[in-house]
Amino acid sequence: MADTLLRPRRPRTLRPRPRRRALSPAARTAVVGALLAVVVLAYLFAFVRGSFDYALHRRLTMLGAMVVAGFAQSVATVLFQSVTRNRVLTPSIMGLDSVYVLVQTALVVVWGGRVLAATDGLAKVLVQTLVMVAFATVLFRWLFTARWGNLNVLLLVGVTLGMAFDSLATFLQRVLSPTDYDLLSLRLFARMNAVDDASLPLALGACVLAGLFVARRVHRLDVLQLGRDVATNLGLDHRRELTTVLVVVSVLIALSTALVGPMTFFGFIAATVARQLVGSERHVHLLPMAFLFGTLLLVGSQFVLEHVFSASGMLTVVLDVVGGGLFLVLLLRKGRL
């Protein structure tokens, strides 16, 4: 008995608690997709007052616009960040929104404010998209493929051209009459409730084609974001792939801006949060998550603003304020672009 008491006890081995397995990227994407389906149903069928057919038609049109904007802005931002290998950049701050503002202002200066309503339709969306795509393609190709071109040069030239276009548009707006200026001001903010029905099928079709094109190149995008030297050593034609991705980015941003108006920081919010949610840098997971979360953010925010705060027209203003704050926070945390 005494020997037993004096014998040192062996320390108990603590078994490590089994860690909970985190959800896979596919499962996380499925959860966000399910939330989006619930929010879409609530947006379409909840709080219907008056004619159900009229309300459903109006909400379907706005839903289509939000789907186009959510896909175009989020996917384009992810692609642009992968190309530039930078997580705080967005293609909307490189001058595309300024081109849209300048084109709208020039139309009003030359033909008056009534031209905005008279030219609404598919042709106007196509022309604006082509102008913005031509500008962006020339700028991105010139700066990224030149021997001296790099990210810093692209940023400086893009911001400088954007400021120049903004200054020119502001000067032209000074000579407008108050009535024409008021009509123009309505077009310089993104509006989901003023989308032309005839333009939606084209926009949705373009998004589907762009999605299929990008889906076939997801593995090349994974290599492309490793940088020029690594991508070239792995057998990828870096210049051709870079130009192709920039053209797709230009088309998506131009289409979204021409359809609903400028949305400077929305794509940045969608891409940033999607990276945190999906937990992967592979584009096969990141791109669907960015699209689903971006659309969820638009539809959910519109539902809350419309039925809780009675401020349906404040969606893009709120998103730009939140996105600008998030951009500054990430920029200050990193300390560099």
Protein backbone atom coordinates (compact mmCIF):
# COMPACT_ATOMS: atom_id res chain seq x y z
CA MET A 1 0.00 0.00 0.00
CA ALA A 2 2.85 2.37 0.91
CA ASP A 3 4.70 1.48 -2.30
CA THR A 4 1.62 2.29 -4.25
CA LEU A 5 1.26 5.69 -2.61
CA LEU A 6 4.95 6.55 -3.10
CA ARG A 7 4.99 5.50 -6.76
CA PRO A 8 4.88 8.59 -9.00
CA ARG A 9 1.81 8.87 -11.09
CA ARG A 10 2.11 9.07 -14.83
CA PRO A 11 0.78 12.27 -16.23
CA ARG A 12 -2.38 11.82 -18.15
CA THR A 13 -1.99 12.40 -21.83
CA LEU A 14 -4.42 14.97 -23.08
CA ARG A 15 -5.98 13.86 -26.28
CA PRO A 16 -6.28 16.69 -28.75
CA ARG A 17 -9.82 17.63 -29.43
CA PRO A 18 -10.82 16.84 -32.96
CA ARG A 19 -11.05 19.99 -34.99
CA ARG A 20 -14.23 20.76 -36.76
CA ARG A 21 -13.83 20.40 -40.46
CA ALA A 22 -14.34 23.69 -42.20
CA LEU A 23 -16.79 23.85 -45.05
CA SER A 24 -15.29 23.33 -48.45
CA PRO A 25 -15.34 26.22 -50.95
CA ALA A 26 -18.07 24.45 -52.91
CA ALA A 27 -20.22 24.09 -49.78
CA ARG A 28 -19.72 27.73 -48.86
CA THR A 29 -20.73 28.77 -52.36
CA ALA A 30 -23.83 26.59 -52.12
CA VAL A 31 -24.82 28.27 -48.82
CA VAL A 32 -24.51 31.74 -50.36
CA GLY A 33 -26.49 30.55 -53.38
CA ALA A 34 -29.27 29.26 -51.13
CA LEU A 35 -29.39 32.60 -49.29
CA LEU A 36 -29.59 34.38 -52.62
CA ALA A 37 -32.54 32.23 -53.70
CA VAL A 38 -34.40 33.05 -50.48
CA VAL A 39 -33.72 36.78 -50.82
CA VAL A 40 -34.79 36.78 -54.48
CA LEU A 41 -38.11 35.11 -53.65
CA ALA A 42 -38.70 37.59 -50.83
CA TYR A 43 -37.88 40.51 -53.11
CA LEU A 44 -40.22 39.33 -55.86
CA PHE A 45 -43.26 38.31 -53.85
CA ALA A 46 -43.17 40.07 -50.47
CA PHE A 47 -44.99 43.34 -49.68
CA VAL A 48 -46.84 43.55 -52.98
CA ARG A 49 -49.30 46.45 -53.03
CA GLY A 50 -51.70 47.18 -55.86
CA SER A 51 -51.49 45.28 -59.12
CA PHE A 52 -49.51 42.07 -58.72
CA ASP A 53 -48.70 41.84 -62.45
CA TYR A 54 -47.32 45.39 -62.56
CA ALA A 55 -45.30 44.91 -59.38
CA LEU A 56 -43.89 41.59 -60.56
CA HIS A 57 -42.90 43.02 -63.95
CA ARG A 58 -41.17 45.99 -62.34
CA ARG A 59 -39.36 43.81 -59.82
CA LEU A 60 -38.27 41.32 -62.47
CA THR A 61 -36.78 44.17 -64.49
CA MET A 62 -34.90 45.49 -61.48
CA LEU A 63 -33.80 41.97 -60.58
CA GLY A 64 -32.41 41.48 -64.07
CA ALA A 65 -30.49 44.75 -63.79
CA MET A 66 -29.07 43.72 -60.41
CA VAL A 67 -28.03 40.32 -61.74
CA VAL A 68 -26.19 41.97 -64.66
CA ALA A 69 -24.53 44.51 -62.40
CA GLY A 70 -23.67 41.89 -59.79
CA PHE A 71 -22.09 39.57 -62.34
CA ALA A 72 -20.28 42.20 -64.39
CA GLN A 73 -18.86 44.26 -61.55
CA SER A 74 -17.82 41.40 -59.26
CA VAL A 75 -16.32 39.14 -61.94
CA ALA A 76 -14.53 42.03 -63.64
CA THR A 77 -13.03 43.17 -60.34
CA VAL A 78 -11.77 39.69 -59.48
CA LEU A 79 -10.20 39.35 -62.92
CA PHE A 80 -8.63 42.79 -62.74
CA GLN A 81 -7.17 42.11 -59.30
CA SER A 82 -5.76 38.80 -60.50
CA VAL A 83 -4.13 40.44 -63.51
CA THR A 84 -2.62 43.27 -61.48
CA ARG A 85 -1.81 40.95 -58.54
CA ASN A 86 -3.26 43.55 -56.20
CA ARG A 87 -6.26 43.18 -53.91
CA VAL A 88 -7.13 46.86 -53.41
CA LEU A 89 -7.59 47.89 -57.03
CA THR A 90 -10.80 48.03 -58.99
CA PRO A 91 -11.25 48.73 -62.71
CA SER A 92 -13.86 51.39 -61.99
CA ILE A 93 -11.27 53.81 -60.62
CA MET A 94 -9.22 53.67 -63.82
CA GLY A 95 -11.32 56.17 -65.76
CA LEU A 96 -14.20 54.13 -67.18
CA ASP A 97 -16.81 55.92 -65.09
CA SER A 98 -15.34 59.26 -66.16
CA VAL A 99 -15.75 58.27 -69.82
CA TYR A 100 -19.42 57.51 -69.18
CA VAL A 101 -19.96 60.87 -67.46
CA LEU A 102 -18.19 62.72 -70.26
CA VAL A 103 -20.24 61.01 -72.98
CA GLN A 104 -23.52 61.78 -71.18
CA THR A 105 -22.51 65.41 -70.63
CA ALA A 106 -21.44 65.87 -74.25
CA LEU A 107 -24.79 64.55 -75.46
CA VAL A 108 -26.67 67.09 -73.36
CA VAL A 109 -24.40 69.98 -74.37
CA VAL A 110 -24.82 69.29 -78.08
CA TRP A 111 -28.49 68.26 -78.26
CA GLY A 112 -30.04 69.33 -74.98
CA GLY A 113 -31.44 67.42 -72.02
CA ARG A 114 -34.29 65.87 -73.99
CA VAL A 115 -31.81 63.78 -75.98
CA LEU A 116 -31.28 61.54 -72.92
CA ALA A 117 -34.87 60.35 -72.97
CA ALA A 118 -35.13 60.37 -76.76
CA THR A 119 -32.09 58.14 -77.23
CA ASP A 120 -32.85 55.63 -74.48
CA GLY A 121 -32.83 52.09 -75.70
CA LEU A 122 -30.63 49.34 -77.04
CA ALA A 123 -28.70 51.51 -79.51
CA LYS A 124 -27.56 53.92 -76.81
CA VAL A 125 -26.35 51.12 -74.56
CA LEU A 126 -24.41 49.58 -77.44
CA VAL A 127 -22.75 52.86 -78.45
CA GLN A 128 -21.76 53.73 -74.88
CA THR A 129 -20.41 50.23 -74.33
CA LEU A 130 -18.33 50.34 -77.50
CA VAL A 131 -16.85 53.75 -76.66
CA MET A 132 -15.86 52.67 -73.16
CA VAL A 133 -14.48 49.33 -74.34
CA ALA A 134 -12.36 51.04 -77.00
CA PHE A 135 -10.91 53.47 -74.45
CA ALA A 136 -10.18 50.81 -71.84
CA THR A 137 -8.72 48.31 -74.29
CA VAL A 138 -6.31 50.82 -75.78
CA LEU A 139 -5.27 52.08 -72.35
CA PHE A 140 -4.77 48.67 -70.73
CA ARG A 141 -3.03 47.08 -73.70
CA TRP A 142 -0.68 50.02 -74.16
CA LEU A 143 0.33 50.23 -70.53
CA PHE A 144 0.50 46.54 -69.66
CA THR A 145 2.27 45.29 -72.78
CA ALA A 146 4.82 48.09 -73.17
CA ARG A 147 8.33 47.35 -71.93
CA TRP A 148 8.21 50.23 -69.48
CA GLY A 149 4.60 49.65 -68.51
CA ASN A 150 3.80 48.47 -64.99
CA LEU A 151 1.12 48.72 -62.36
CA ASN A 152 2.24 52.09 -61.04
CA VAL A 153 2.22 53.62 -64.53
CA LEU A 154 -1.23 52.18 -65.21
CA LEU A 155 -2.57 53.60 -61.97
CA LEU A 156 -1.10 57.05 -62.54
CA VAL A 157 -2.21 57.30 -66.18
CA GLY A 158 -5.68 55.91 -65.45
CA VAL A 159 -6.31 58.25 -62.54
CA THR A 160 -4.89 61.20 -64.48
CA LEU A 161 -7.12 60.54 -67.49
CA GLY A 162 -10.08 60.06 -65.19
CA MET A 163 -9.42 63.42 -63.53
CA ALA A 164 -9.02 65.07 -66.92
CA PHE A 165 -12.33 63.65 -68.16
CA ASP A 166 -14.05 64.68 -64.93
CA SER A 167 -12.69 68.20 -65.23
CA LEU A 168 -13.83 68.47 -68.84
CA ALA A 169 -17.28 67.13 -67.95
CA THR A 170 -17.55 69.58 -65.04
CA PHE A 171 -16.61 72.47 -67.33
CA LEU A 172 -19.25 71.45 -69.86
CA GLN A 173 -21.86 71.12 -67.13
CA ARG A 174 -21.26 74.75 -66.18
CA VAL A 175 -22.76 75.95 -69.44
CA LEU A 176 -25.93 73.88 -69.14
CA SER A 177 -29.27 75.34 -68.22
CA PRO A 178 -30.70 74.34 -64.82
CA THR A 179 -33.27 72.09 -66.47
CA ASP A 180 -30.71 70.26 -68.59
CA TYR A 181 -28.39 69.93 -65.63
CA ASP A 182 -31.13 68.34 -63.53
CA LEU A 183 -31.92 65.85 -66.29
CA LEU A 184 -28.23 65.02 -66.63
CA SER A 185 -27.73 64.58 -62.89
CA LEU A 186 -30.29 61.78 -62.84
CA ARG A 187 -28.13 59.80 -65.29
CA LEU A 188 -24.86 60.20 -63.42
CA PHE A 189 -25.89 57.86 -60.59
CA ALA A 190 -26.56 54.15 -60.94
CA ARG A 191 -30.31 53.45 -61.02
CA MET A 192 -31.78 49.97 -60.98
CA ASN A 193 -35.33 51.21 -61.50
CA ALA A 194 -34.64 53.03 -64.78
CA VAL A 195 -33.34 50.17 -66.90
CA ASP A 196 -34.82 49.72 -70.36
CA ASP A 197 -36.50 46.34 -70.79
CA ALA A 198 -35.20 45.98 -74.34
CA SER A 199 -31.57 46.18 -73.16
CA LEU A 200 -31.82 43.44 -70.55
CA PRO A 201 -31.83 40.40 -72.89
CA LEU A 202 -28.69 41.68 -74.61
CA ALA A 203 -26.97 42.39 -71.30
CA LEU A 204 -27.92 39.00 -69.84
CA GLY A 205 -26.79 37.25 -73.01
CA ALA A 206 -23.45 39.07 -72.93
CA CYS A 207 -22.98 38.06 -69.29
CA VAL A 208 -23.68 34.40 -70.13
CA LEU A 209 -21.17 34.45 -72.98
CA ALA A 210 -18.57 36.18 -70.83
CA GLY A 211 -19.18 33.65 -68.05
CA LEU A 212 -18.70 30.70 -70.40
CA PHE A 213 -15.56 32.25 -71.85
CA VAL A 214 -14.06 32.89 -68.42
CA ALA A 215 -15.07 29.43 -67.16
CA ARG A 216 -12.93 27.83 -69.86
CA ARG A 217 -9.90 29.85 -68.73
CA VAL A 218 -10.07 29.51 -64.95
CA HIS A 219 -6.91 27.43 -64.80
CA ARG A 220 -5.04 29.90 -66.99
CA LEU A 221 -6.19 32.66 -64.65
CA ASP A 222 -4.66 30.77 -61.72
CA VAL A 223 -1.34 30.73 -63.59
CA LEU A 224 -1.69 34.31 -64.79
CA GLN A 225 -1.95 35.72 -61.28
CA LEU A 226 1.45 34.21 -60.44
CA GLY A 227 3.17 36.91 -62.49
CA ARG A 228 4.73 37.30 -65.92
CA ASP A 229 7.92 35.33 -65.28
CA VAL A 230 6.26 32.34 -63.63
CA ALA A 231 3.43 32.23 -66.17
CA THR A 232 5.90 32.35 -69.06
CA ASN A 233 8.04 29.59 -67.55
CA LEU A 234 4.91 27.45 -67.23
CA GLY A 235 4.24 27.81 -70.95
CA LEU A 236 1.52 30.49 -70.87
CA ASP A 237 1.48 33.26 -73.45
CA HIS A 238 1.36 36.03 -70.87
CA ARG A 239 0.81 38.93 -73.27
CA ARG A 240 -2.06 37.29 -75.14
CA GLU A 241 -3.80 36.10 -71.97
CA LEU A 242 -3.34 39.47 -70.32
CA THR A 243 -4.85 41.30 -73.28
CA THR A 244 -7.75 38.84 -73.45
CA VAL A 245 -8.61 39.24 -69.77
CA LEU A 246 -8.41 43.04 -69.99
CA VAL A 247 -10.80 43.05 -72.94
CA VAL A 248 -13.27 40.92 -70.97
CA VAL A 249 -12.94 43.26 -67.98
CA SER A 250 -13.53 46.28 -70.21
CA VAL A 251 -16.63 44.75 -71.79
CA LEU A 252 -18.18 43.80 -68.45
CA ILE A 253 -17.55 47.15 -66.76
CA ALA A 254 -18.67 49.10 -69.83
CA LEU A 255 -21.84 47.03 -70.17
CA SER A 256 -22.76 47.42 -66.52
CA THR A 257 -22.06 51.16 -66.51
CA ALA A 258 -23.98 51.78 -69.74
CA LEU A 259 -26.96 49.79 -68.44
CA VAL A 260 -27.36 50.99 -64.83
CA GLY A 261 -24.76 53.74 -64.37
CA PRO A 262 -21.44 54.08 -62.50
CA MET A 263 -20.83 51.82 -59.49
CA THR A 264 -17.34 52.71 -58.36
CA PHE A 265 -16.79 50.55 -55.28
CA PHE A 266 -19.44 47.85 -55.52
CA GLY A 267 -17.19 45.38 -57.34
CA PHE A 268 -14.48 46.00 -54.77
CA ILE A 269 -16.84 45.06 -51.93
CA ALA A 270 -17.99 41.89 -53.71
CA ALA A 271 -14.47 40.73 -54.56
CA THR A 272 -13.03 41.49 -51.11
CA VAL A 273 -15.78 39.78 -49.14
CA ALA A 274 -15.89 36.83 -51.57
CA ARG A 275 -12.22 36.09 -50.93
CA GLN A 276 -12.87 35.95 -47.21
CA LEU A 277 -15.96 33.78 -47.57
CA VAL A 278 -14.66 31.21 -50.02
CA GLY A 279 -11.21 30.84 -48.41
CA SER A 280 -9.50 30.04 -51.70
CA GLU A 281 -7.60 31.90 -54.40
CA ARG A 282 -8.58 29.45 -57.13
CA HIS A 283 -10.79 31.14 -59.67
CA VAL A 284 -13.03 28.10 -60.05
CA HIS A 285 -14.27 28.85 -56.52
CA LEU A 286 -13.65 32.59 -56.29
CA LEU A 287 -15.55 33.74 -59.37
CA PRO A 288 -18.88 32.00 -58.55
CA MET A 289 -18.69 33.21 -54.95
CA ALA A 290 -18.06 36.80 -56.07
CA PHE A 291 -21.03 36.70 -58.44
CA LEU A 292 -23.41 35.14 -55.92
CA PHE A 293 -22.38 37.40 -53.06
CA GLY A 294 -22.45 40.52 -55.24
CA THR A 295 -25.97 39.75 -56.42
CA LEU A 296 -27.03 38.86 -52.86
CA LEU A 297 -25.68 42.19 -51.65
CA LEU A 298 -27.57 44.14 -54.30
CA VAL A 299 -30.89 42.33 -53.95
CA GLY A 300 -30.78 42.20 -50.16
CA SER A 301 -29.80 45.86 -49.82
CA GLN A 302 -32.49 46.92 -52.26
CA PHE A 303 -35.09 44.92 -50.35
CA VAL A 304 -34.11 46.49 -47.01
CA LEU A 305 -33.89 50.03 -48.36
CA GLU A 306 -37.18 49.75 -50.23
CA HIS A 307 -39.34 48.12 -47.57
CA VAL A 308 -37.68 49.19 -44.30
CA PHE A 309 -36.25 52.66 -44.92
CA SER A 310 -38.41 53.66 -47.94
CA ALA A 311 -35.29 54.82 -49.76
CA SER A 312 -35.09 52.61 -52.83
CA GLY A 313 -33.04 55.14 -54.80
CA MET A 314 -30.19 55.25 -52.26
CA LEU A 315 -28.74 51.81 -53.02
CA THR A 316 -25.68 52.82 -55.02
CA VAL A 317 -24.98 55.80 -52.77
CA VAL A 318 -24.86 53.55 -49.70
CA LEU A 319 -22.70 50.97 -51.48
CA ASP A 320 -20.23 53.61 -52.65
CA VAL A 321 -19.92 55.03 -49.12
CA VAL A 322 -19.37 51.57 -47.61
CA GLY A 323 -17.04 50.50 -50.41
CA GLY A 324 -14.99 53.68 -50.18
CA GLY A 325 -14.57 53.20 -46.45
CA LEU A 326 -13.54 49.57 -46.94
CA PHE A 327 -11.06 50.61 -49.64
CA LEU A 328 -9.43 53.16 -47.31
CA VAL A 329 -9.25 50.66 -44.44
CA LEU A 330 -7.52 48.01 -46.55
CA LEU A 331 -5.21 50.59 -48.12
CA LEU A 332 -4.14 51.94 -44.73
CA ARG A 333 -3.63 48.41 -43.38
CA LYS A 334 -1.41 47.44 -46.28
CA GLY A 335 0.33 50.81 -46.46
CA ARG A 336 0.71 50.53 -50.24
CA LEU A 337 -1.16 49.80 -53.45
